[in-house]
Structures are given as structure tokens and as C-alpha cells.
Amino acid sequence: MRLALISDIHANRQALQACLAHARLQGVDQFAFLGDLVGYGGEPAAVLDQVMDLAAQGAWVLQGNHDEMALNPPAAQGPEATQGAQSAPWTHDQLSAEHRAFLSNLPLTIQRDTLLLVHASADKPEAWRYVDNALAAGHCLDAAMAQGASHVLVGHVHHQTLYYQGAGRLLMRFEPQPGLGVPVSAQRPWVACVGSCGQPRDGDPRAMYTVYDRGANKLTFHRVPYNHTEAAAAIRQAQLPEFFAQRLERGR
């Protein structure tokens, strides 16, 4: 099975469509969306329509923290509100009852044999912990292995990284090169952060997604150009904070 992993779309329709088109050219036969379908971006309804259509065709979909926030926007607004909270009430108002029902029914994890998919860490998924270093990846993997999974795919951190079990107990960190397949062991545990489709934060505005070829035991981390100018314009048209538009243009 060739599995396309798309996470942190953040209501960015242009990035989603670019990644879907690219993934289909790779011959993927299963799509998985690892949460944060909405939040920050200017087209939450359009993104959800597309993801819901793919879910009806068999795609796997998880809930992320911004999806949860869109369902229940925090009361605090103004300067004291977090960046995500600034867009949550507006996003909530854009969603239909069908959209909200879809988001509210999404699971926090999906497990297929030894493979576990989760938006944040497998260590208390509802706490939305970041897998952004080897120690956090170790906690994530320990929790997954307690459930019988030894290979974990996560989003949330907006970067592409692989943590793998080396000769010692601690996980080793590997920074992949876009488009180059990385062999992964079927026997040794690993945790892969698949990157953000709709809001990269590494200084490169290209969208991110990852393909996991389970038959060949290979991960390929992709970067895909898309019309980020149009995506930024949608944010400005919605009168969301200007910083959200600038972040897409800078990729940071």
C-alpha cells in the first residue's frame, strides 16, 4: 500500500489541491489526513468539502487541535488570545452543521496493525503534545508500542522529520531531503513527522506531505509548489489577521 499523509491543511485550499494532485501522480492508493483541516486559512468550508468527499471514498481522517477549536471557539479574544484562537470564531461561523458533525466525529488516532496515525503525540493525543525532539518522539513511541504499534505517523509540528531506533535506546533524528525515499525498517520502531500541507514554517513556502510505501518500507517526504499568493489573498479577503497571510508568503 502506498499511503499519502497530509496534515495541517489549515483551510488552505490551494495547498491541499496541489498535494492531492502530486500524490495521485505518485500512484498512491490510500489518503490519510492527520488533523488540523481548518484554522488560520481563508477557505475552511471548501477544504472540508473536499476532505469529506475523500472520506466518503475511504480516506482516513483524524481530528486536530484546530478542528476541536473551531467546534468550540475559546471565549478569550483580543491581544491575549492565541494565534489559533484569533481565527477560531470566524472559522466556526463558516462551517455548516454537516461540517461540524464531521469534525466532531473524527477520531484522535487510527491504528492499522503496527502502524499508528495521530495528529500530535500518541502520548495522550488529547493533550496535543508536540513531537519536536528525540525525547518527545520517545514518549510518543512508548505510548504507541503499549498499544501494539511500532511505527507512528504524526503532524502538528509543521516540519518533516524522522526519528528512528538506532543501536541505543534513544531515538535518532534524521532530516529528510524532499523527494528522496528513505528506507525504514519493518522491525525497528520509528516516528515520522509528515509536515504541514497548508502552513509550512521552515522558511520554504512550498506545501508538505509524505508518502509511506508499506510494501517497499520507504518514506518519501515531498515539497510541492502551490499558489500561496492566492491562498494569502483568501485570508485577507476574510479579514483574518494579516500575519496569517504573511506566514504563507514567507513559509514561516
Protein backbone atom coordinates (compact mmCIF):
# COMPACT_ATOMS: atom_id res chain seq x y z
CA MET A 1 0.00 0.00 0.00
CA ARG A 2 1.20 3.49 -0.89
CA LEU A 3 -0.23 5.84 1.71
CA ALA A 4 -0.32 9.64 1.23
CA LEU A 5 -0.19 11.50 4.55
CA ILE A 6 -1.49 15.06 4.50
CA SER A 7 -1.61 17.06 7.72
CA ASP A 8 -2.19 20.61 8.94
CA ILE A 9 -4.03 21.86 5.86
CA HIS A 10 -5.30 24.84 7.87
CA ALA A 11 -8.08 25.81 5.46
CA ASN A 12 -5.59 26.27 2.62
CA ARG A 13 -7.49 25.01 -0.43
CA GLN A 14 -4.70 25.76 -2.90
CA ALA A 15 -2.10 23.77 -0.96
CA LEU A 16 -4.47 20.84 -0.49
CA GLN A 17 -5.30 20.62 -4.17
CA ALA A 18 -1.62 20.79 -5.13
CA CYS A 19 -0.69 17.98 -2.73
CA LEU A 20 -3.59 15.80 -3.84
CA ALA A 21 -2.62 16.21 -7.49
CA HIS A 22 1.04 15.47 -6.73
CA ALA A 23 0.15 12.40 -4.64
CA ARG A 24 -2.00 10.94 -7.39
CA LEU A 25 0.97 11.18 -9.75
CA GLN A 26 2.93 9.09 -7.22
CA GLY A 27 0.41 6.28 -7.59
CA VAL A 28 -0.89 6.39 -4.01
CA ASP A 29 -3.84 4.14 -3.24
CA GLN A 30 -4.83 5.48 0.20
CA PHE A 31 -5.14 9.01 1.57
CA ALA A 32 -4.84 9.89 5.26
CA PHE A 33 -5.44 13.34 6.76
CA LEU A 34 -3.77 13.81 10.13
CA GLY A 35 -5.82 16.69 11.52
CA ASP A 36 -5.93 20.48 11.59
CA LEU A 37 -8.05 20.62 8.48
CA VAL A 38 -9.11 24.15 9.41
CA GLY A 39 -7.80 27.15 11.34
CA TYR A 40 -5.74 30.17 10.17
CA GLY A 41 -6.72 29.86 6.49
CA GLY A 42 -9.44 31.55 4.48
CA GLU A 43 -11.33 28.61 2.94
CA PRO A 44 -12.38 26.17 5.67
CA ALA A 45 -15.65 25.11 4.04
CA ALA A 46 -14.02 24.35 0.68
CA VAL A 47 -11.29 22.29 2.34
CA LEU A 48 -13.78 20.33 4.41
CA ASP A 49 -15.97 19.67 1.38
CA GLN A 50 -13.01 18.10 -0.39
CA VAL A 51 -11.81 16.08 2.60
CA MET A 52 -15.33 14.87 3.34
CA ASP A 53 -15.69 13.71 -0.26
CA LEU A 54 -12.43 11.75 0.02
CA ALA A 55 -13.50 10.33 3.38
CA ALA A 56 -16.64 9.02 1.70
CA GLN A 57 -14.32 7.26 -0.75
CA GLY A 58 -12.34 5.62 2.06
CA ALA A 59 -9.75 8.20 3.14
CA TRP A 60 -8.69 8.12 6.81
CA VAL A 61 -9.22 11.39 8.69
CA LEU A 62 -8.15 12.46 12.19
CA GLN A 63 -9.14 15.39 14.36
CA GLY A 64 -6.56 18.04 15.23
CA ASN A 65 -6.48 20.74 17.89
CA HIS A 66 -7.61 23.46 15.46
CA ASP A 67 -10.53 21.32 14.38
CA GLU A 68 -11.53 20.99 18.02
CA MET A 69 -11.08 24.74 18.50
CA ALA A 70 -13.29 25.52 15.51
CA LEU A 71 -16.05 23.44 17.08
CA ASN A 72 -15.71 25.17 20.45
CA PRO A 73 -14.05 28.57 19.97
CA PRO A 74 -12.38 29.92 23.11
CA ALA A 75 -14.01 32.92 24.74
CA ALA A 76 -10.80 34.95 25.07
CA GLN A 77 -10.20 37.29 22.14
CA GLY A 78 -8.10 40.38 21.56
CA PRO A 79 -4.36 40.71 22.31
CA GLU A 80 -4.45 37.97 24.95
CA ALA A 81 -5.81 35.33 22.57
CA THR A 82 -3.50 32.78 20.99
CA GLN A 83 -2.97 32.93 17.24
CA GLY A 84 -5.22 29.92 16.69
CA ALA A 85 -7.95 31.39 18.88
CA GLN A 86 -7.99 34.54 16.75
CA SER A 87 -9.36 32.63 13.76
CA ALA A 88 -11.50 30.04 15.56
CA PRO A 89 -14.74 32.07 15.92
CA TRP A 90 -14.63 33.13 12.26
CA THR A 91 -13.91 29.55 11.18
CA HIS A 92 -16.78 28.26 13.34
CA ASP A 93 -19.19 30.63 11.59
CA GLN A 94 -18.12 29.44 8.14
CA LEU A 95 -18.98 25.81 8.87
CA SER A 96 -22.31 24.17 8.16
CA ALA A 97 -23.98 21.77 10.55
CA GLU A 98 -22.69 18.95 8.33
CA HIS A 99 -19.12 20.25 8.57
CA ARG A 100 -19.33 20.48 12.35
CA ALA A 101 -20.79 16.99 12.68
CA PHE A 102 -17.98 15.62 10.52
CA LEU A 103 -15.27 17.29 12.63
CA SER A 104 -16.85 16.31 15.94
CA ASN A 105 -16.96 12.64 14.96
CA LEU A 106 -13.32 12.36 13.89
CA PRO A 107 -11.07 10.07 15.96
CA LEU A 108 -7.82 11.15 17.58
CA THR A 109 -5.94 8.06 16.40
CA ILE A 110 -6.18 5.40 13.72
CA GLN A 111 -4.27 2.12 14.04
CA ARG A 112 -3.67 -0.42 11.30
CA ASP A 113 -1.62 -3.36 12.58
CA THR A 114 1.72 -1.92 13.74
CA LEU A 115 1.03 1.50 12.17
CA LEU A 116 -0.45 4.30 14.29
CA LEU A 117 -1.65 7.64 12.91
CA VAL A 118 -2.14 10.58 15.27
CA HIS A 119 -2.25 14.37 14.92
CA ALA A 120 0.00 15.16 17.88
CA SER A 121 1.74 12.67 20.18
CA ALA A 122 0.49 9.15 20.81
CA ASP A 123 1.30 10.01 24.44
CA LYS A 124 -2.11 11.44 25.44
CA PRO A 125 -3.32 12.55 21.98
CA GLU A 126 -5.96 14.79 23.57
CA ALA A 127 -3.20 16.88 25.20
CA TRP A 128 -1.89 17.94 21.74
CA ARG A 129 1.77 17.47 22.67
CA TYR A 130 4.40 18.31 20.06
CA VAL A 131 6.77 15.65 18.76
CA ASP A 132 9.56 18.15 18.12
CA ASN A 133 12.62 16.45 19.61
CA ALA A 134 14.00 12.97 20.23
CA LEU A 135 12.77 12.83 23.82
CA ALA A 136 9.20 13.72 22.83
CA ALA A 137 9.39 11.20 19.99
CA GLY A 138 10.46 8.57 22.50
CA HIS A 139 7.44 9.28 24.71
CA CYS A 140 5.22 9.11 21.63
CA LEU A 141 6.71 5.79 20.56
CA ASP A 142 6.48 4.29 24.05
CA ALA A 143 2.76 5.08 24.15
CA ALA A 144 2.27 3.63 20.67
CA MET A 145 4.14 0.44 21.49
CA ALA A 146 1.95 -0.05 24.54
CA GLN A 147 -0.90 -0.29 22.03
CA GLY A 148 0.95 -2.73 19.79
CA ALA A 149 2.19 -0.17 17.23
CA SER A 150 5.86 0.35 16.41
CA HIS A 151 5.60 2.82 13.52
CA VAL A 152 3.96 6.21 14.13
CA LEU A 153 2.99 8.99 11.71
CA VAL A 154 2.22 12.41 13.20
CA GLY A 155 1.52 16.00 12.17
CA HIS A 156 1.17 19.11 14.38
CA VAL A 157 4.78 20.32 14.30
CA HIS A 158 4.76 21.69 10.69
CA HIS A 159 8.18 20.18 9.97
CA GLN A 160 9.30 16.96 8.29
CA THR A 161 11.48 14.75 10.50
CA LEU A 162 12.14 11.07 11.04
CA TYR A 163 13.07 9.61 14.44
CA TYR A 164 14.30 6.03 14.34
CA GLN A 165 15.60 3.42 16.73
CA GLY A 166 19.37 3.09 16.36
CA ALA A 167 21.79 0.89 18.26
CA GLY A 168 20.99 2.52 21.60
CA ARG A 169 17.76 3.15 23.46
CA LEU A 170 17.34 6.81 22.47
CA LEU A 171 15.79 7.64 19.12
CA MET A 172 17.97 9.18 16.43
CA ARG A 173 16.82 12.26 14.50
CA PHE A 174 17.03 12.37 10.70
CA GLU A 175 16.26 15.39 8.49
CA PRO A 176 14.99 14.09 5.12
CA GLN A 177 15.61 15.63 1.72
CA PRO A 178 12.47 16.36 -0.32
CA GLY A 179 11.64 13.72 -2.89
CA LEU A 180 14.32 11.23 -1.83
CA GLY A 181 12.98 7.94 -0.50
CA VAL A 182 14.16 6.99 2.99
CA PRO A 183 14.30 3.25 3.79
CA VAL A 184 12.64 2.41 7.10
CA SER A 185 12.83 -0.89 8.91
CA ALA A 186 9.78 -3.08 9.31
CA GLN A 187 11.35 -4.45 12.51
CA ARG A 188 12.81 -1.33 14.14
CA PRO A 189 10.49 1.31 15.61
CA TRP A 190 10.27 4.83 14.19
CA VAL A 191 8.22 8.04 14.37
CA ALA A 192 7.78 10.28 11.32
CA CYS A 193 6.51 13.87 11.30
CA VAL A 194 4.85 14.33 7.91
CA GLY A 195 4.93 18.14 7.74
CA SER A 196 2.27 20.77 7.08
CA CYS A 197 0.39 20.90 3.81
CA GLY A 198 -1.15 24.33 4.33
CA GLN A 199 1.23 26.25 6.58
CA PRO A 200 4.96 25.41 6.31
CA ARG A 201 7.13 27.09 8.93
CA ASP A 202 10.69 26.34 7.84
CA GLY A 203 11.20 29.33 5.55
CA ASP A 204 10.11 27.42 2.43
CA PRO A 205 6.54 28.27 1.30
CA ARG A 206 6.09 25.00 -0.63
CA ALA A 207 3.45 22.64 0.76
CA MET A 208 4.50 19.44 2.54
CA TYR A 209 3.15 15.92 2.58
CA THR A 210 4.61 12.42 2.88
CA VAL A 211 4.16 9.08 1.12
CA TYR A 212 4.68 5.85 3.04
CA ASP A 213 5.18 2.81 0.81
CA ARG A 214 4.44 -0.04 3.20
CA GLY A 215 5.38 -2.71 0.68
CA ALA A 216 8.81 -1.23 -0.01
CA ASN A 217 9.30 0.05 3.59
CA LYS A 218 10.10 3.54 2.35
CA LEU A 219 9.11 7.08 3.35
CA THR A 220 9.29 9.93 0.86
CA PHE A 221 8.87 13.48 2.17
CA HIS A 222 7.61 15.79 -0.57
CA ARG A 223 7.55 19.57 -1.10
CA VAL A 224 5.02 20.88 -3.60
CA PRO A 225 4.81 24.39 -5.09
CA TYR A 226 1.35 25.94 -4.99
CA ASN A 227 -0.29 29.34 -5.43
CA HIS A 228 0.42 30.72 -1.96
CA THR A 229 -0.34 34.24 -3.21
CA GLU A 230 -3.93 33.19 -3.89
CA ALA A 231 -4.16 31.44 -0.52
CA ALA A 232 -2.88 34.59 1.22
CA ALA A 233 -5.42 36.67 -0.69
CA ALA A 234 -8.23 34.45 0.64
CA ILE A 235 -7.05 35.18 4.19
CA ARG A 236 -7.02 38.92 3.54
CA GLN A 237 -10.44 38.79 1.91
CA ALA A 238 -11.77 37.09 5.04
CA GLN A 239 -10.22 39.90 7.11
CA LEU A 240 -8.30 37.48 9.26
CA PRO A 241 -5.06 38.69 10.89
CA GLU A 242 -2.53 39.89 8.31
CA PHE A 243 0.16 37.76 9.92
CA PHE A 244 -1.61 34.61 8.73
CA ALA A 245 -1.31 35.75 5.10
CA GLN A 246 2.31 36.82 5.51
CA ARG A 247 3.19 33.45 7.03
CA LEU A 248 2.10 31.67 3.83
CA GLU A 249 4.15 34.06 1.70
CA ARG A 250 7.27 33.61 3.83
CA GLY A 251 6.74 29.96 4.70
CA ARG A 252 7.47 30.82 8.30
